[in-house]
N, C-alpha and C. Protein backbone atom coordinates (compact mmCIF):
# COMPACT_ATOMS: atom_id res chain seq x y z
N MET A 1 -2.21 -67.69 9.65
CA MET A 1 -1.82 -66.55 8.84
C MET A 1 -2.57 -65.33 9.35
N MET A 2 -2.10 -64.18 8.98
CA MET A 2 -2.66 -62.93 9.50
C MET A 2 -3.20 -62.01 8.40
N SER A 3 -3.06 -62.40 7.14
CA SER A 3 -3.51 -61.50 6.07
C SER A 3 -4.03 -62.28 4.88
N ALA A 4 -4.78 -61.59 4.04
CA ALA A 4 -5.29 -62.18 2.81
C ALA A 4 -4.12 -62.58 1.90
N GLN A 5 -3.06 -61.77 1.90
CA GLN A 5 -1.91 -62.07 1.05
C GLN A 5 -1.26 -63.40 1.45
N GLN A 6 -1.08 -63.62 2.73
CA GLN A 6 -0.48 -64.87 3.19
C GLN A 6 -1.37 -66.06 2.81
N CYS A 7 -2.66 -65.91 3.00
CA CYS A 7 -3.59 -66.99 2.66
C CYS A 7 -3.61 -67.25 1.16
N LEU A 8 -3.51 -66.20 0.36
CA LEU A 8 -3.48 -66.37 -1.09
C LEU A 8 -2.27 -67.20 -1.50
N LEU A 9 -1.12 -66.93 -0.91
CA LEU A 9 0.07 -67.72 -1.23
C LEU A 9 -0.13 -69.19 -0.92
N ALA A 10 -0.77 -69.47 0.21
CA ALA A 10 -1.05 -70.86 0.58
C ALA A 10 -2.02 -71.50 -0.42
N ALA A 11 -3.01 -70.74 -0.86
CA ALA A 11 -3.97 -71.26 -1.85
C ALA A 11 -3.28 -71.52 -3.18
N LEU A 12 -2.40 -70.61 -3.59
CA LEU A 12 -1.67 -70.79 -4.85
C LEU A 12 -0.72 -71.99 -4.78
N ALA A 13 -0.25 -72.30 -3.56
CA ALA A 13 0.62 -73.46 -3.37
C ALA A 13 -0.17 -74.76 -3.33
N GLY A 14 -1.50 -74.66 -3.42
CA GLY A 14 -2.33 -75.85 -3.49
C GLY A 14 -3.02 -76.22 -2.19
N GLY A 15 -3.01 -75.32 -1.21
CA GLY A 15 -3.64 -75.62 0.07
C GLY A 15 -5.14 -75.86 -0.07
N THR A 16 -5.61 -76.94 0.50
CA THR A 16 -7.04 -77.22 0.50
C THR A 16 -7.77 -76.22 1.39
N TYR A 17 -7.13 -75.88 2.51
CA TYR A 17 -7.67 -74.91 3.45
C TYR A 17 -6.63 -73.84 3.70
N VAL A 18 -7.08 -72.61 3.88
CA VAL A 18 -6.22 -71.52 4.32
C VAL A 18 -6.85 -70.97 5.59
N SER A 19 -6.01 -70.69 6.57
CA SER A 19 -6.53 -70.32 7.88
C SER A 19 -5.98 -68.98 8.31
N ILE A 20 -6.89 -68.11 8.71
CA ILE A 20 -6.49 -66.80 9.21
C ILE A 20 -6.95 -66.68 10.67
N PHE A 21 -6.09 -66.15 11.51
CA PHE A 21 -6.39 -66.01 12.93
C PHE A 21 -7.15 -64.70 13.16
N GLY A 22 -8.46 -64.76 12.97
CA GLY A 22 -9.30 -63.57 13.02
C GLY A 22 -9.22 -62.80 14.32
N GLY A 23 -9.30 -63.51 15.44
CA GLY A 23 -9.25 -62.83 16.73
C GLY A 23 -7.94 -62.11 16.95
N ARG A 24 -6.85 -62.72 16.53
CA ARG A 24 -5.54 -62.09 16.70
C ARG A 24 -5.39 -60.88 15.81
N VAL A 25 -5.92 -60.95 14.59
CA VAL A 25 -5.89 -59.80 13.69
C VAL A 25 -6.69 -58.65 14.33
N ASN A 26 -7.88 -58.96 14.83
CA ASN A 26 -8.68 -57.93 15.49
C ASN A 26 -7.97 -57.37 16.71
N ASP A 27 -7.26 -58.23 17.47
CA ASP A 27 -6.52 -57.77 18.64
C ASP A 27 -5.44 -56.75 18.28
N MET A 28 -4.94 -56.84 17.04
CA MET A 28 -3.90 -55.88 16.59
C MET A 28 -4.51 -54.55 16.16
N GLY A 29 -5.84 -54.43 16.25
CA GLY A 29 -6.49 -53.17 15.91
C GLY A 29 -7.05 -53.10 14.51
N TYR A 30 -7.09 -54.24 13.82
CA TYR A 30 -7.65 -54.30 12.47
C TYR A 30 -8.96 -55.08 12.51
N ASN A 31 -9.81 -54.83 11.52
CA ASN A 31 -11.05 -55.60 11.39
C ASN A 31 -10.80 -56.69 10.36
N VAL A 32 -10.74 -57.93 10.80
CA VAL A 32 -10.41 -59.04 9.91
C VAL A 32 -11.47 -59.26 8.83
N CYS A 33 -12.67 -58.72 9.00
CA CYS A 33 -13.72 -58.91 7.99
C CYS A 33 -13.26 -58.45 6.61
N GLY A 34 -12.54 -57.35 6.57
CA GLY A 34 -12.03 -56.85 5.29
C GLY A 34 -11.05 -57.82 4.65
N GLU A 35 -10.19 -58.43 5.46
CA GLU A 35 -9.24 -59.42 4.95
C GLU A 35 -9.96 -60.66 4.42
N ILE A 36 -10.98 -61.09 5.15
CA ILE A 36 -11.76 -62.26 4.72
C ILE A 36 -12.45 -61.97 3.40
N GLN A 37 -13.07 -60.80 3.29
CA GLN A 37 -13.77 -60.43 2.05
C GLN A 37 -12.81 -60.36 0.87
N LYS A 38 -11.66 -59.71 1.07
CA LYS A 38 -10.67 -59.61 -0.01
C LYS A 38 -10.21 -61.00 -0.43
N LEU A 39 -9.91 -61.83 0.54
CA LEU A 39 -9.43 -63.18 0.25
C LEU A 39 -10.48 -63.98 -0.51
N ARG A 40 -11.71 -63.95 -0.05
CA ARG A 40 -12.78 -64.72 -0.72
C ARG A 40 -12.96 -64.24 -2.15
N ASN A 41 -12.94 -62.93 -2.35
CA ASN A 41 -13.09 -62.38 -3.70
C ASN A 41 -11.97 -62.85 -4.63
N VAL A 42 -10.75 -62.83 -4.13
CA VAL A 42 -9.61 -63.24 -4.95
C VAL A 42 -9.66 -64.74 -5.24
N LEU A 43 -9.96 -65.53 -4.22
CA LEU A 43 -10.05 -66.99 -4.44
C LEU A 43 -11.11 -67.31 -5.49
N ASP A 44 -12.28 -66.69 -5.35
CA ASP A 44 -13.37 -66.93 -6.30
C ASP A 44 -12.99 -66.47 -7.70
N TYR A 45 -12.41 -65.28 -7.80
CA TYR A 45 -12.03 -64.71 -9.10
C TYR A 45 -10.98 -65.58 -9.79
N GLN A 46 -10.02 -66.08 -9.01
CA GLN A 46 -8.94 -66.89 -9.58
C GLN A 46 -9.36 -68.36 -9.78
N GLY A 47 -10.55 -68.71 -9.30
CA GLY A 47 -11.02 -70.09 -9.43
C GLY A 47 -10.25 -71.06 -8.53
N LEU A 48 -9.71 -70.54 -7.44
CA LEU A 48 -8.98 -71.39 -6.50
C LEU A 48 -9.97 -72.07 -5.57
N LYS A 49 -9.75 -73.34 -5.29
CA LYS A 49 -10.71 -74.14 -4.53
C LYS A 49 -10.48 -74.12 -3.02
N SER A 50 -9.44 -73.43 -2.55
CA SER A 50 -9.14 -73.40 -1.11
C SER A 50 -10.33 -72.87 -0.33
N LYS A 51 -10.57 -73.48 0.82
CA LYS A 51 -11.62 -73.04 1.73
C LYS A 51 -10.99 -72.19 2.84
N ILE A 52 -11.70 -71.16 3.24
CA ILE A 52 -11.20 -70.22 4.26
C ILE A 52 -11.69 -70.65 5.63
N ILE A 53 -10.73 -70.89 6.53
CA ILE A 53 -11.03 -71.16 7.93
C ILE A 53 -10.61 -69.93 8.72
N VAL A 54 -11.49 -69.44 9.58
CA VAL A 54 -11.13 -68.32 10.45
C VAL A 54 -11.25 -68.81 11.89
N GLY A 55 -10.19 -68.59 12.64
CA GLY A 55 -10.15 -69.06 14.02
C GLY A 55 -9.79 -67.97 14.99
N SER A 56 -9.49 -68.39 16.19
CA SER A 56 -9.14 -67.47 17.27
C SER A 56 -10.33 -66.57 17.61
N THR A 57 -11.51 -67.16 17.57
CA THR A 57 -12.76 -66.44 17.81
C THR A 57 -12.82 -65.95 19.25
N ARG A 58 -13.14 -64.68 19.42
CA ARG A 58 -13.18 -64.08 20.75
C ARG A 58 -14.61 -63.83 21.25
N GLU A 59 -15.51 -63.48 20.33
CA GLU A 59 -16.87 -63.11 20.71
C GLU A 59 -17.87 -63.81 19.80
N THR A 60 -19.07 -64.00 20.31
CA THR A 60 -20.08 -64.68 19.49
C THR A 60 -20.40 -63.89 18.22
N ILE A 61 -20.34 -62.58 18.28
CA ILE A 61 -20.64 -61.78 17.09
C ILE A 61 -19.66 -62.08 15.96
N ASN A 62 -18.43 -62.48 16.31
CA ASN A 62 -17.43 -62.80 15.28
C ASN A 62 -17.92 -63.90 14.36
N ILE A 63 -18.65 -64.85 14.87
CA ILE A 63 -19.05 -66.02 14.09
C ILE A 63 -19.88 -65.61 12.88
N ILE A 64 -20.92 -64.85 13.11
CA ILE A 64 -21.78 -64.40 12.01
C ILE A 64 -21.05 -63.40 11.12
N GLU A 65 -20.31 -62.48 11.72
CA GLU A 65 -19.57 -61.49 10.94
C GLU A 65 -18.60 -62.16 9.97
N TRP A 66 -17.88 -63.15 10.46
CA TRP A 66 -16.87 -63.79 9.63
C TRP A 66 -17.47 -64.67 8.56
N LEU A 67 -18.56 -65.35 8.88
CA LEU A 67 -19.26 -66.13 7.84
C LEU A 67 -19.84 -65.20 6.78
N GLU A 68 -20.42 -64.11 7.23
CA GLU A 68 -20.98 -63.12 6.30
C GLU A 68 -19.89 -62.51 5.42
N ALA A 69 -18.69 -62.36 5.96
CA ALA A 69 -17.58 -61.78 5.20
C ALA A 69 -17.04 -62.75 4.15
N GLY A 70 -17.38 -64.05 4.28
CA GLY A 70 -16.97 -65.00 3.25
C GLY A 70 -16.23 -66.22 3.74
N ALA A 71 -16.04 -66.37 5.05
CA ALA A 71 -15.39 -67.57 5.57
C ALA A 71 -16.25 -68.79 5.27
N HIS A 72 -15.59 -69.89 4.97
CA HIS A 72 -16.30 -71.15 4.79
C HIS A 72 -16.52 -71.84 6.13
N ILE A 73 -15.54 -71.68 7.03
CA ILE A 73 -15.56 -72.33 8.34
C ILE A 73 -15.08 -71.33 9.38
N VAL A 74 -15.74 -71.31 10.53
CA VAL A 74 -15.28 -70.52 11.67
C VAL A 74 -15.16 -71.49 12.84
N THR A 75 -13.98 -71.55 13.44
CA THR A 75 -13.80 -72.42 14.59
C THR A 75 -14.29 -71.70 15.83
N VAL A 76 -14.97 -72.45 16.71
CA VAL A 76 -15.63 -71.84 17.86
C VAL A 76 -15.41 -72.70 19.10
N ALA A 77 -15.01 -72.08 20.18
CA ALA A 77 -14.85 -72.79 21.46
C ALA A 77 -16.23 -73.11 22.03
N PRO A 78 -16.33 -74.20 22.78
CA PRO A 78 -17.63 -74.59 23.36
C PRO A 78 -18.31 -73.48 24.15
N GLY A 79 -17.55 -72.68 24.87
CA GLY A 79 -18.15 -71.60 25.66
C GLY A 79 -18.90 -70.58 24.81
N LEU A 80 -18.38 -70.31 23.61
CA LEU A 80 -19.08 -69.39 22.71
C LEU A 80 -20.33 -70.02 22.13
N LEU A 81 -20.27 -71.33 21.87
CA LEU A 81 -21.48 -72.02 21.38
C LEU A 81 -22.59 -71.95 22.42
N GLU A 82 -22.24 -72.13 23.68
CA GLU A 82 -23.23 -72.04 24.75
C GLU A 82 -23.87 -70.65 24.79
N LYS A 83 -23.06 -69.62 24.59
CA LYS A 83 -23.60 -68.26 24.58
C LYS A 83 -24.55 -68.04 23.41
N MET A 84 -24.29 -68.72 22.30
CA MET A 84 -25.17 -68.60 21.14
C MET A 84 -26.52 -69.26 21.41
N ILE A 85 -26.49 -70.37 22.11
CA ILE A 85 -27.70 -71.15 22.36
C ILE A 85 -28.58 -70.49 23.42
N VAL A 86 -27.98 -70.09 24.51
CA VAL A 86 -28.73 -69.56 25.64
C VAL A 86 -28.62 -68.04 25.64
N HIS A 87 -29.70 -67.41 25.26
CA HIS A 87 -29.78 -65.95 25.23
C HIS A 87 -30.71 -65.52 26.37
N PRO A 88 -30.30 -64.56 27.19
CA PRO A 88 -31.13 -64.17 28.34
C PRO A 88 -32.56 -63.78 27.95
N TYR A 89 -32.72 -63.10 26.84
CA TYR A 89 -34.06 -62.69 26.43
C TYR A 89 -34.90 -63.88 25.98
N SER A 90 -34.25 -64.87 25.39
CA SER A 90 -34.98 -66.08 25.00
C SER A 90 -35.54 -66.80 26.22
N ILE A 91 -34.72 -66.92 27.24
CA ILE A 91 -35.15 -67.59 28.47
C ILE A 91 -36.33 -66.85 29.08
N GLU A 92 -36.23 -65.55 29.19
CA GLU A 92 -37.33 -64.77 29.77
C GLU A 92 -38.58 -64.84 28.90
N THR A 93 -38.42 -64.84 27.60
CA THR A 93 -39.57 -64.93 26.69
C THR A 93 -40.29 -66.27 26.87
N VAL A 94 -39.54 -67.35 26.99
CA VAL A 94 -40.15 -68.66 27.21
C VAL A 94 -40.88 -68.69 28.55
N ARG A 95 -40.27 -68.12 29.59
CA ARG A 95 -40.93 -68.08 30.91
C ARG A 95 -42.24 -67.30 30.83
N GLN A 96 -42.22 -66.16 30.14
CA GLN A 96 -43.43 -65.36 30.01
C GLN A 96 -44.50 -66.13 29.23
N PHE A 97 -44.09 -66.81 28.18
CA PHE A 97 -45.02 -67.61 27.39
C PHE A 97 -45.67 -68.68 28.27
N LEU A 98 -44.87 -69.36 29.09
CA LEU A 98 -45.41 -70.40 29.96
C LEU A 98 -46.36 -69.82 31.00
N ARG A 99 -46.02 -68.65 31.56
CA ARG A 99 -46.92 -68.00 32.52
C ARG A 99 -48.24 -67.63 31.84
N ASP A 100 -48.16 -67.06 30.65
CA ASP A 100 -49.37 -66.68 29.93
C ASP A 100 -50.22 -67.90 29.58
N ALA A 101 -49.58 -68.98 29.20
CA ALA A 101 -50.32 -70.21 28.85
C ALA A 101 -50.99 -70.76 30.08
N GLU A 102 -50.29 -70.71 31.21
CA GLU A 102 -50.89 -71.22 32.46
C GLU A 102 -52.11 -70.39 32.85
N LYS A 103 -52.03 -69.06 32.70
CA LYS A 103 -53.18 -68.20 32.99
C LYS A 103 -54.34 -68.51 32.07
N ALA A 104 -54.06 -68.70 30.79
CA ALA A 104 -55.10 -68.98 29.82
C ALA A 104 -55.79 -70.32 30.10
N MET A 105 -55.03 -71.28 30.54
CA MET A 105 -55.58 -72.61 30.83
C MET A 105 -56.44 -72.61 32.11
N SER A 106 -56.14 -71.70 33.02
CA SER A 106 -56.87 -71.68 34.29
C SER A 106 -58.18 -70.92 34.17
N LYS A 107 -58.45 -70.29 33.06
CA LYS A 107 -59.69 -69.53 32.90
C LYS A 107 -60.81 -70.41 32.44
């Protein structure tokens, strides 16, 4: 689905999960975070139990943004998970820590 309205209809029809294609919505020039927030607010207000899945993730930043906006689940390709785990500054920080520890031990 592409909008909060479409997902609401699925929730009202009894859907356990409602899924919005976040990356595709963003590709159309909209920020899907607003749709996720609206949908979550309406589901909560109406007492509907449907869980929000957001997919079509394009960037690692989408994951946190969409969870923060109210998604229950964000689907993520393995390549994006790898980018989340390995951050260039983390690697350099660990290397510097090891160099500093080695210097301290040699004194």
